[in-house]
Amino acid sequence: MKSCLDELSVFGGPAEFHEALHVGRPNVGNRAAILERIGAVIDRRWLTNDGPCVAQFEKRVAEIVGVRHCVAVSSGTMALMLAVRAAGLTGEVIVPSLTFIGTVHALFWQGITPVFCDVGPETHNLDPARIEQLITPRTTGILGVHLWGRPCDVEALECIARRRGLKLLFDAAHAFGCSYNGKMIGGFGEAEIFSFHATKCVNTAEGGAVVTGDDELAARVREMRNFGFVDYDRVAGPGLNGKMSELAAAMGLASLDSMEEFFQANRRNYCAYREGLRDIAGVNLITYDEPGASNFHYIVVEIDEDRAGLSRDELKEVLWGENVLARRYFYPGCHRMKPYCDLFPEAGSRLPVTERLCARLLCLPNGTAVGVQQIERICGIIRFAIQNASGVKARLATRR
C-alpha cells in the first residue's frame, strides 16, 4: 500500500474494487451433503414436529457438549426465553449490558426486570465483584454471557448463586465448541443456551438449543416449545411454538459434519489477524490464549483513540469505504437501547467499563468466506489509516 491518502478508495483514489467482506457471513460447509439431507426431508414429507433430523441433531449436540439433554428450538432467543421460564426466574435477574439485545429482551418479554451489571475490562464478561451489590430481595437469578466464546468466571458465579440462593443460567450463543477448565461449555448452571443463527460458527440457518443436565427442566422446555402438549391431545400448561424445523436441523447436521473445518479456518484467520495487527499503535486484538477449546469465531479489536489517533468509529468509516463491513459490537450497550434507556436512565453511571468498551470495540470479518490474503488487506488498511491518522481525520471531516 503506497504512502499516500489517495490509495484508499474511501478518499476517491484509484484503489481497485474489492468484493465486500462482511462480519457474520455464513459458513455453509459441504453443499452436496446439505442438499442430500434436505432432499431426504422433502422425500419423507416430515417437515417439522420433532422429526428424525431434529432428534439426531439434539443427540449429536448433547454428545459434543457432554450433557444429558439438548432441546432444539427455533432461535437462540427462543431458547433463552424457554430456559428462563423453565428455571422459574421472576422479579429481577442480573445480566450484562455488553451483549446482544436478544439476551435482555428474553427477560423483559416475560416481565422480568434486567439489572445491568458491569463487566471485567479484560474478560468482557460479568464481573463477579460487582454482582453482590446488585442483589435485592427481588433477585431470582444471574444470567452470564460467554462473550466472544470466552468463558465467564463460572466458579465465581456458581459460588455467588449458591450462597445467595439464586438460579444461574448462561447465554452461550457465541460459545459452541468452547470449553472451561476442561469441560465443554453447555454443562454449567441450571442450563445454557446456544444460538445456531446463520452468523454463528455452526448454524442451522436459524435456530437455537437449550442444553442441561436437569431432567425436569429439559422436560418443561420440551413441553413449552410445543404449545404445552405432553401427549397427542393433552396440554399440561401454557406453551408456544418454538420448535426447530426438519429443514433447519438438516442444515445443522451438515454444519456439525464440517465443524472442525470451520474451527480450523477461524483459528488460521485469528493467527493471521494477530500477525497482521501486531504492533499497530492503539489496536488491541482480543486474544484466545486461555487453555481449552475455542471456536475462534469472533475477531474483535479494541481501539484506543489516544494512541491510535483515530476513534473506533473513524476507523470503521475507513473500513466501510474499502468494502470491509466491520461491526460495532455491542454498540451502544443494551442499557442505551429502547426501552431500557427510558426505564433505567441512570444505568450508565454504574457501567463505566461497559460504556468504555461500547465506544472502542470493533468486530472484523471471519469465517470460511475470509482468507489469509483478504486478512492481510484488512490489516494493511488499518495500519495505513493509523499511520496516517491526522490526514485520514481531515479527509473524513470533509466527507461529513
Protein backbone atom coordinates (compact mmCIF):
# COMPACT_ATOMS: atom_id res chain seq x y z
CA MET A 1 0.00 0.00 0.00
CA LYS A 2 1.52 3.32 -1.09
CA SER A 3 2.10 6.04 1.47
CA CYS A 4 -0.46 8.46 0.10
CA LEU A 5 -4.01 9.00 1.27
CA ASP A 6 -5.45 8.69 -2.24
CA GLU A 7 -4.51 5.00 -2.23
CA LEU A 8 -7.63 4.36 -0.13
CA SER A 9 -10.72 4.35 -2.32
CA VAL A 10 -12.76 5.86 0.52
CA PHE A 11 -10.93 9.07 -0.34
CA GLY A 12 -11.70 8.84 -4.03
CA GLY A 13 -8.38 7.30 -5.05
CA PRO A 14 -7.64 4.63 -7.65
CA ALA A 15 -7.86 1.50 -5.46
CA GLU A 16 -9.37 -1.46 -7.31
CA PHE A 17 -12.85 -2.70 -6.43
CA HIS A 18 -12.99 -5.49 -3.87
CA GLU A 19 -15.99 -7.66 -3.01
CA ALA A 20 -17.45 -6.65 0.32
CA LEU A 21 -16.24 -8.60 3.35
CA HIS A 22 -18.95 -8.99 5.98
CA VAL A 23 -18.94 -9.80 9.66
CA GLY A 24 -21.13 -12.87 10.13
CA ARG A 25 -21.17 -14.18 6.56
CA PRO A 26 -22.46 -17.75 6.99
CA ASN A 27 -20.35 -20.88 7.00
CA VAL A 28 -22.00 -23.31 4.59
CA GLY A 29 -19.88 -26.45 4.55
CA ASN A 30 -20.46 -29.29 2.10
CA ARG A 31 -23.18 -28.16 -0.29
CA ALA A 32 -23.83 -31.67 -1.62
CA ALA A 33 -24.28 -33.03 1.91
CA ILE A 34 -26.71 -30.22 2.77
CA LEU A 35 -28.82 -30.81 -0.34
CA GLU A 36 -28.82 -34.57 0.22
CA ARG A 37 -30.16 -34.16 3.77
CA ILE A 38 -32.75 -31.59 2.69
CA GLY A 39 -33.84 -33.85 -0.16
CA ALA A 40 -34.39 -36.69 2.31
CA VAL A 41 -36.54 -34.40 4.47
CA ILE A 42 -38.68 -33.47 1.48
CA ASP A 43 -38.99 -37.12 0.42
CA ARG A 44 -40.22 -38.06 3.92
CA ARG A 45 -42.69 -35.13 3.90
CA TRP A 46 -41.98 -34.72 7.60
CA LEU A 47 -41.04 -31.06 7.76
CA THR A 48 -41.50 -30.24 11.44
CA ASN A 49 -42.91 -31.55 14.77
CA ASP A 50 -39.91 -33.45 16.18
CA GLY A 51 -38.80 -35.34 13.11
CA PRO A 52 -35.74 -37.59 12.81
CA CYS A 53 -33.34 -34.78 11.81
CA VAL A 54 -34.19 -32.77 14.94
CA ALA A 55 -33.77 -35.87 17.11
CA GLN A 56 -30.38 -36.64 15.54
CA PHE A 57 -29.24 -33.03 15.81
CA GLU A 58 -30.19 -32.93 19.51
CA LYS A 59 -28.35 -36.20 20.16
CA ARG A 60 -25.15 -35.02 18.46
CA VAL A 61 -25.12 -31.64 20.20
CA ALA A 62 -25.69 -33.28 23.60
CA GLU A 63 -22.82 -35.70 22.94
CA ILE A 64 -20.44 -32.92 21.87
CA VAL A 65 -21.30 -30.82 24.93
CA GLY A 66 -21.39 -33.76 27.33
CA VAL A 67 -24.88 -33.22 28.80
CA ARG A 68 -27.95 -35.42 29.04
CA HIS A 69 -30.34 -33.10 27.26
CA CYS A 70 -30.36 -30.85 24.21
CA VAL A 71 -33.70 -29.35 23.21
CA ALA A 72 -33.53 -27.79 19.75
CA VAL A 73 -35.69 -24.72 19.16
CA SER A 74 -36.36 -22.04 16.56
CA SER A 75 -33.76 -19.47 17.69
CA GLY A 76 -31.25 -18.63 20.40
CA THR A 77 -33.63 -16.02 21.81
CA MET A 78 -36.42 -18.60 21.98
CA ALA A 79 -34.03 -20.97 23.74
CA LEU A 80 -33.24 -18.33 26.35
CA MET A 81 -36.90 -17.42 26.88
CA LEU A 82 -37.79 -21.06 27.42
CA ALA A 83 -34.82 -21.72 29.73
CA VAL A 84 -35.62 -18.65 31.82
CA ARG A 85 -39.25 -19.70 32.19
CA ALA A 86 -38.43 -23.37 32.85
CA ALA A 87 -35.96 -22.33 35.56
CA GLY A 88 -38.69 -20.30 37.26
CA LEU A 89 -36.99 -16.91 37.08
CA THR A 90 -39.11 -13.91 38.08
CA GLY A 91 -38.60 -10.45 39.58
CA GLU A 92 -35.05 -9.29 38.83
CA VAL A 93 -32.22 -11.04 37.03
CA ILE A 94 -28.63 -9.74 36.91
CA VAL A 95 -27.29 -9.58 33.37
CA PRO A 96 -24.51 -7.75 31.46
CA SER A 97 -25.38 -4.86 29.17
CA LEU A 98 -22.44 -5.76 26.91
CA THR A 99 -24.33 -8.40 24.95
CA PHE A 100 -26.71 -8.78 22.04
CA ILE A 101 -30.06 -7.15 22.75
CA GLY A 102 -31.85 -10.51 22.47
CA THR A 103 -30.30 -11.59 25.78
CA VAL A 104 -32.09 -8.80 27.64
CA HIS A 105 -35.30 -8.94 25.59
CA ALA A 106 -35.68 -12.61 26.56
CA LEU A 107 -36.01 -11.48 30.18
CA PHE A 108 -38.09 -8.35 29.65
CA TRP A 109 -40.58 -10.09 27.36
CA GLN A 110 -41.55 -12.26 30.34
CA GLY A 111 -41.98 -9.40 32.79
CA ILE A 112 -38.56 -9.82 34.37
CA THR A 113 -36.54 -6.70 35.24
CA PRO A 114 -32.99 -6.85 33.86
CA VAL A 115 -30.47 -5.47 36.35
CA PHE A 116 -27.41 -4.40 34.38
CA CYS A 117 -24.04 -5.38 35.81
CA ASP A 118 -20.64 -4.18 34.64
CA VAL A 119 -18.06 -6.45 33.05
CA GLY A 120 -14.36 -7.03 33.55
CA PRO A 121 -12.11 -4.78 31.44
CA GLU A 122 -10.08 -7.76 30.20
CA THR A 123 -12.67 -10.56 30.19
CA HIS A 124 -15.65 -8.56 28.84
CA ASN A 125 -17.80 -10.96 30.90
CA LEU A 126 -19.80 -10.35 34.09
CA ASP A 127 -17.57 -9.01 36.86
CA PRO A 128 -18.31 -11.21 39.91
CA ALA A 129 -17.09 -8.44 42.23
CA ARG A 130 -19.94 -6.20 41.02
CA ILE A 131 -22.77 -8.68 41.42
CA GLU A 132 -23.27 -8.78 45.20
CA GLN A 133 -24.17 -5.09 45.46
CA LEU A 134 -26.95 -5.54 42.87
CA ILE A 135 -28.77 -8.38 44.64
CA THR A 136 -32.09 -7.39 46.21
CA PRO A 137 -34.99 -9.38 47.74
CA ARG A 138 -36.50 -9.49 44.22
CA THR A 139 -33.42 -11.07 42.60
CA THR A 140 -34.02 -14.65 41.46
CA GLY A 141 -31.13 -15.30 39.11
CA ILE A 142 -27.89 -14.45 37.34
CA LEU A 143 -27.59 -14.67 33.56
CA GLY A 144 -23.98 -14.84 32.42
CA VAL A 145 -22.86 -14.42 28.81
CA HIS A 146 -19.76 -16.18 27.44
CA LEU A 147 -18.89 -13.22 25.22
CA TRP A 148 -16.79 -13.94 22.11
CA GLY A 149 -16.84 -17.60 23.19
CA ARG A 150 -14.51 -16.82 26.09
CA PRO A 151 -15.99 -18.39 29.24
CA CYS A 152 -17.29 -16.47 32.22
CA ASP A 153 -15.70 -16.99 35.62
CA VAL A 154 -18.08 -19.89 36.13
CA GLU A 155 -16.79 -20.91 39.54
CA ALA A 156 -17.17 -17.41 40.99
CA LEU A 157 -20.70 -17.08 39.60
CA GLU A 158 -21.65 -20.52 40.91
CA CYS A 159 -20.34 -19.58 44.35
CA ILE A 160 -22.44 -16.40 44.46
CA ALA A 161 -25.53 -18.21 43.19
CA ARG A 162 -25.23 -20.97 45.81
CA ARG A 163 -24.57 -18.56 48.66
CA ARG A 164 -27.46 -16.25 47.77
CA GLY A 165 -29.96 -18.92 46.68
CA LEU A 166 -30.12 -17.76 43.06
CA LYS A 167 -30.59 -19.64 39.78
CA LEU A 168 -27.69 -19.45 37.32
CA LEU A 169 -28.14 -19.58 33.55
CA PHE A 170 -25.66 -18.92 30.75
CA ASP A 171 -26.13 -17.41 27.32
CA ALA A 172 -23.57 -19.40 25.33
CA ALA A 173 -24.67 -18.08 21.92
CA HIS A 174 -21.03 -17.42 20.99
CA ALA A 175 -19.54 -20.45 22.66
CA PHE A 176 -20.50 -23.68 20.89
CA GLY A 177 -17.37 -25.83 20.77
CA CYS A 178 -15.60 -23.89 23.54
CA SER A 179 -14.57 -25.18 26.96
CA TYR A 180 -13.81 -24.04 30.50
CA ASN A 181 -11.34 -25.87 32.76
CA GLY A 182 -11.51 -28.98 30.61
CA LYS A 183 -15.32 -29.10 30.48
CA MET A 184 -17.30 -28.14 27.42
CA ILE A 185 -19.44 -25.03 27.74
CA GLY A 186 -23.05 -26.11 27.89
CA GLY A 187 -22.87 -28.06 31.12
CA PHE A 188 -22.80 -25.21 33.65
CA GLY A 189 -25.54 -23.67 35.77
CA GLU A 190 -29.15 -24.82 35.61
CA ALA A 191 -28.96 -24.63 31.81
CA GLU A 192 -27.12 -22.92 28.97
CA ILE A 193 -28.36 -21.88 25.56
CA PHE A 194 -26.75 -21.95 22.14
CA SER A 195 -27.60 -19.94 19.06
CA PHE A 196 -27.36 -21.64 15.68
CA HIS A 197 -28.20 -18.49 13.74
CA ALA A 198 -26.63 -18.11 10.30
CA THR A 199 -23.92 -15.81 11.70
CA LYS A 200 -22.70 -18.42 14.19
CA CYS A 201 -19.79 -20.76 13.54
CA VAL A 202 -22.08 -23.81 13.43
CA ASN A 203 -25.54 -22.93 12.15
CA THR A 204 -28.96 -24.27 11.23
CA ALA A 205 -29.67 -21.12 9.16
CA GLU A 206 -31.88 -20.07 12.09
CA GLY A 207 -32.17 -21.96 15.36
CA GLY A 208 -31.03 -22.48 18.91
CA ALA A 209 -30.98 -25.02 21.73
CA VAL A 210 -31.29 -25.39 25.49
CA VAL A 211 -28.69 -27.77 26.95
CA THR A 212 -28.86 -29.04 30.51
CA GLY A 213 -28.29 -31.97 32.81
CA ASP A 214 -31.56 -31.27 34.65
CA ASP A 215 -34.18 -33.84 33.60
CA GLU A 216 -37.16 -31.84 34.86
CA LEU A 217 -36.03 -28.56 33.34
CA ALA A 218 -35.48 -30.27 29.97
CA ALA A 219 -38.96 -31.82 30.13
CA ARG A 220 -40.52 -28.42 30.84
CA VAL A 221 -38.69 -26.85 27.89
CA ARG A 222 -39.89 -29.66 25.59
CA GLU A 223 -43.48 -29.10 26.67
CA MET A 224 -43.34 -25.33 26.32
CA ARG A 225 -41.73 -25.35 22.87
CA ASN A 226 -44.77 -27.32 21.59
CA PHE A 227 -47.73 -25.33 22.95
CA GLY A 228 -47.62 -27.19 26.27
CA PHE A 229 -48.53 -30.58 24.79
CA VAL A 230 -47.45 -33.61 26.85
CA ASP A 231 -49.42 -36.12 24.79
CA TYR A 232 -51.18 -36.27 21.45
CA ASP A 233 -54.16 -34.26 22.65
CA ARG A 234 -53.33 -33.28 26.23
CA VAL A 235 -51.94 -29.85 27.20
CA ALA A 236 -50.34 -29.53 30.62
CA GLY A 237 -49.85 -25.77 30.63
CA PRO A 238 -49.22 -22.67 28.53
CA GLY A 239 -46.69 -23.01 25.77
CA LEU A 240 -45.84 -21.62 22.36
CA ASN A 241 -44.44 -22.73 19.03
CA GLY A 242 -40.68 -22.79 19.47
CA LYS A 243 -39.85 -25.95 17.53
CA MET A 244 -36.90 -26.31 15.17
CA SER A 245 -37.94 -27.41 11.69
CA GLU A 246 -36.56 -30.52 9.99
CA LEU A 247 -35.04 -28.36 7.24
CA ALA A 248 -33.13 -26.31 9.82
CA ALA A 249 -31.96 -29.47 11.60
CA ALA A 250 -30.79 -30.95 8.30
CA MET A 251 -28.69 -27.83 7.72
CA GLY A 252 -27.40 -28.15 11.28
CA LEU A 253 -26.36 -31.78 10.86
CA ALA A 254 -24.35 -30.89 7.76
CA SER A 255 -22.82 -27.97 9.68
CA LEU A 256 -21.81 -30.30 12.52
CA ASP A 257 -20.13 -32.56 9.94
CA SER A 258 -17.95 -29.59 8.92
CA MET A 259 -17.48 -28.18 12.43
CA GLU A 260 -13.77 -28.95 12.74
CA GLU A 261 -13.13 -27.43 9.32
CA PHE A 262 -14.89 -24.24 10.44
CA PHE A 263 -12.90 -24.09 13.68
CA GLN A 264 -9.61 -24.62 11.84
CA ALA A 265 -10.41 -21.86 9.35
CA ASN A 266 -11.26 -19.49 12.20
CA ARG A 267 -8.04 -20.34 14.04
CA ARG A 268 -5.99 -19.81 10.87
CA ASN A 269 -7.66 -16.43 10.37
CA TYR A 270 -7.20 -15.45 14.02
CA CYS A 271 -3.47 -16.18 13.75
CA ALA A 272 -3.29 -14.13 10.53
CA TYR A 273 -5.01 -11.19 12.22
CA ARG A 274 -2.73 -11.50 15.25
CA GLU A 275 0.30 -11.28 12.98
CA GLY A 276 -1.13 -8.55 10.75
CA LEU A 277 -2.22 -6.29 13.61
CA ARG A 278 0.95 -6.76 15.63
CA ASP A 279 2.46 -3.52 16.92
CA ILE A 280 -0.16 -1.21 15.41
CA ALA A 281 -0.49 1.64 17.90
CA GLY A 282 -3.78 1.65 19.76
CA VAL A 283 -5.17 -1.54 18.19
CA ASN A 284 -5.53 -4.35 20.72
CA LEU A 285 -6.74 -7.73 19.45
CA ILE A 286 -8.93 -9.66 21.87
CA THR A 287 -6.97 -12.88 22.36
CA TYR A 288 -7.83 -16.54 22.80
CA ASP A 289 -4.84 -17.52 24.88
CA GLU A 290 -6.78 -19.35 27.59
CA PRO A 291 -6.24 -23.11 27.78
CA GLY A 292 -9.02 -25.25 26.37
CA ALA A 293 -11.09 -25.46 23.22
CA SER A 294 -12.22 -22.39 21.31
CA ASN A 295 -14.10 -21.79 18.08
CA PHE A 296 -12.05 -18.59 17.40
CA HIS A 297 -15.12 -17.15 15.67
CA TYR A 298 -15.04 -13.51 16.79
CA ILE A 299 -12.18 -11.27 15.71
CA VAL A 300 -12.55 -8.25 17.99
CA VAL A 301 -10.22 -5.28 18.37
CA GLU A 302 -10.30 -2.55 20.98
CA ILE A 303 -9.31 0.85 19.61
CA ASP A 304 -7.54 3.27 21.95
CA GLU A 305 -8.07 6.62 20.24
CA ASP A 306 -5.37 8.38 22.29
CA ARG A 307 -2.73 6.00 20.93
CA ALA A 308 -4.19 5.23 17.51
CA GLY A 309 -5.02 8.81 16.57
CA LEU A 310 -8.38 7.62 15.21
CA SER A 311 -11.56 6.71 17.04
CA ARG A 312 -13.21 3.34 16.60
CA ASP A 313 -15.96 4.98 14.56
CA GLU A 314 -13.48 6.76 12.28
CA LEU A 315 -11.64 3.51 11.64
CA LYS A 316 -14.95 1.80 10.92
CA GLU A 317 -15.75 4.52 8.37
CA VAL A 318 -12.44 3.91 6.62
CA LEU A 319 -13.02 0.14 6.54
CA TRP A 320 -16.56 0.50 5.22
CA GLY A 321 -15.25 2.77 2.49
CA GLU A 322 -12.96 -0.11 1.49
CA ASN A 323 -15.85 -2.63 1.45
CA VAL A 324 -14.76 -4.16 4.75
CA LEU A 325 -18.04 -4.14 6.68
CA ALA A 326 -16.73 -4.23 10.24
CA ARG A 327 -19.30 -4.00 13.04
CA ARG A 328 -19.50 -2.16 16.37
CA TYR A 329 -20.20 -4.98 18.86
CA PHE A 330 -22.21 -4.36 21.04
CA TYR A 331 -22.90 -0.69 20.46
CA PRO A 332 -24.27 1.30 22.23
CA GLY A 333 -24.93 -1.24 25.01
CA CYS A 334 -28.32 -2.70 25.90
CA HIS A 335 -28.81 -0.09 28.62
CA ARG A 336 -28.80 2.63 25.95
CA MET A 337 -31.42 0.93 23.76
CA LYS A 338 -35.22 1.12 23.99
CA PRO A 339 -36.99 0.54 26.30
CA TYR A 340 -34.15 0.19 28.81
CA CYS A 341 -32.68 3.67 28.34
CA ASP A 342 -36.06 5.11 29.36
CA LEU A 343 -36.65 2.70 32.23
CA PHE A 344 -33.12 2.89 33.67
CA PRO A 345 -31.67 6.25 32.61
CA GLU A 346 -29.04 6.13 35.36
CA ALA A 347 -27.70 2.67 34.39
CA GLY A 348 -24.69 4.05 32.53
CA SER A 349 -23.26 5.55 35.71
CA ARG A 350 -22.93 2.02 37.13
CA LEU A 351 -21.31 0.63 33.98
CA PRO A 352 -18.06 2.51 33.36
CA VAL A 353 -16.24 -0.45 31.79
CA THR A 354 -19.20 -1.31 29.57
CA GLU A 355 -19.50 2.32 28.44
CA ARG A 356 -15.81 2.44 27.54
CA LEU A 357 -15.87 -0.85 25.65
CA CYS A 358 -19.00 0.05 23.71
CA ALA A 359 -17.13 3.05 22.33
CA ARG A 360 -13.97 1.08 21.45
CA LEU A 361 -14.82 -2.44 20.22
CA LEU A 362 -14.84 -3.35 16.54
CA CYS A 363 -15.57 -6.80 15.10
CA LEU A 364 -13.71 -7.80 11.90
CA PRO A 365 -14.73 -10.35 9.23
CA ASN A 366 -14.00 -14.02 9.90
CA GLY A 367 -15.20 -17.48 8.85
CA THR A 368 -14.71 -19.69 5.84
CA ALA A 369 -15.63 -16.84 3.46
CA VAL A 370 -12.46 -14.97 4.53
CA GLY A 371 -8.92 -15.97 3.57
CA VAL A 372 -5.44 -15.00 4.68
CA GLN A 373 -4.89 -12.73 1.65
CA GLN A 374 -8.04 -10.77 2.46
CA ILE A 375 -6.99 -10.52 6.11
CA GLU A 376 -3.63 -9.11 5.05
CA ARG A 377 -5.51 -6.46 3.08
CA ILE A 378 -7.75 -5.61 6.05
CA CYS A 379 -4.76 -5.30 8.37
CA GLY A 380 -2.96 -3.20 5.76
CA ILE A 381 -5.87 -0.76 5.61
CA ILE A 382 -5.91 -0.47 9.41
CA ARG A 383 -2.15 0.00 9.61
CA PHE A 384 -2.13 2.59 6.83
CA ALA A 385 -5.04 4.54 8.31
CA ILE A 386 -3.46 4.76 11.75
CA GLN A 387 0.00 5.60 10.44
CA ASN A 388 -1.63 8.49 8.57
CA ALA A 389 -4.21 9.31 11.24
CA SER A 390 -4.08 13.11 11.02
CA GLY A 391 -4.60 13.12 7.26
CA VAL A 392 -7.32 10.48 7.49
CA LYS A 393 -9.17 12.54 10.11
CA ALA A 394 -9.02 15.60 7.91
CA ARG A 395 -10.31 13.73 4.86
CA LEU A 396 -13.11 12.12 6.83
CA ALA A 397 -14.13 15.52 8.18
CA THR A 398 -14.59 16.85 4.65
CA ARG A 399 -16.92 13.96 3.79
CA ARG A 400 -19.36 14.68 6.63
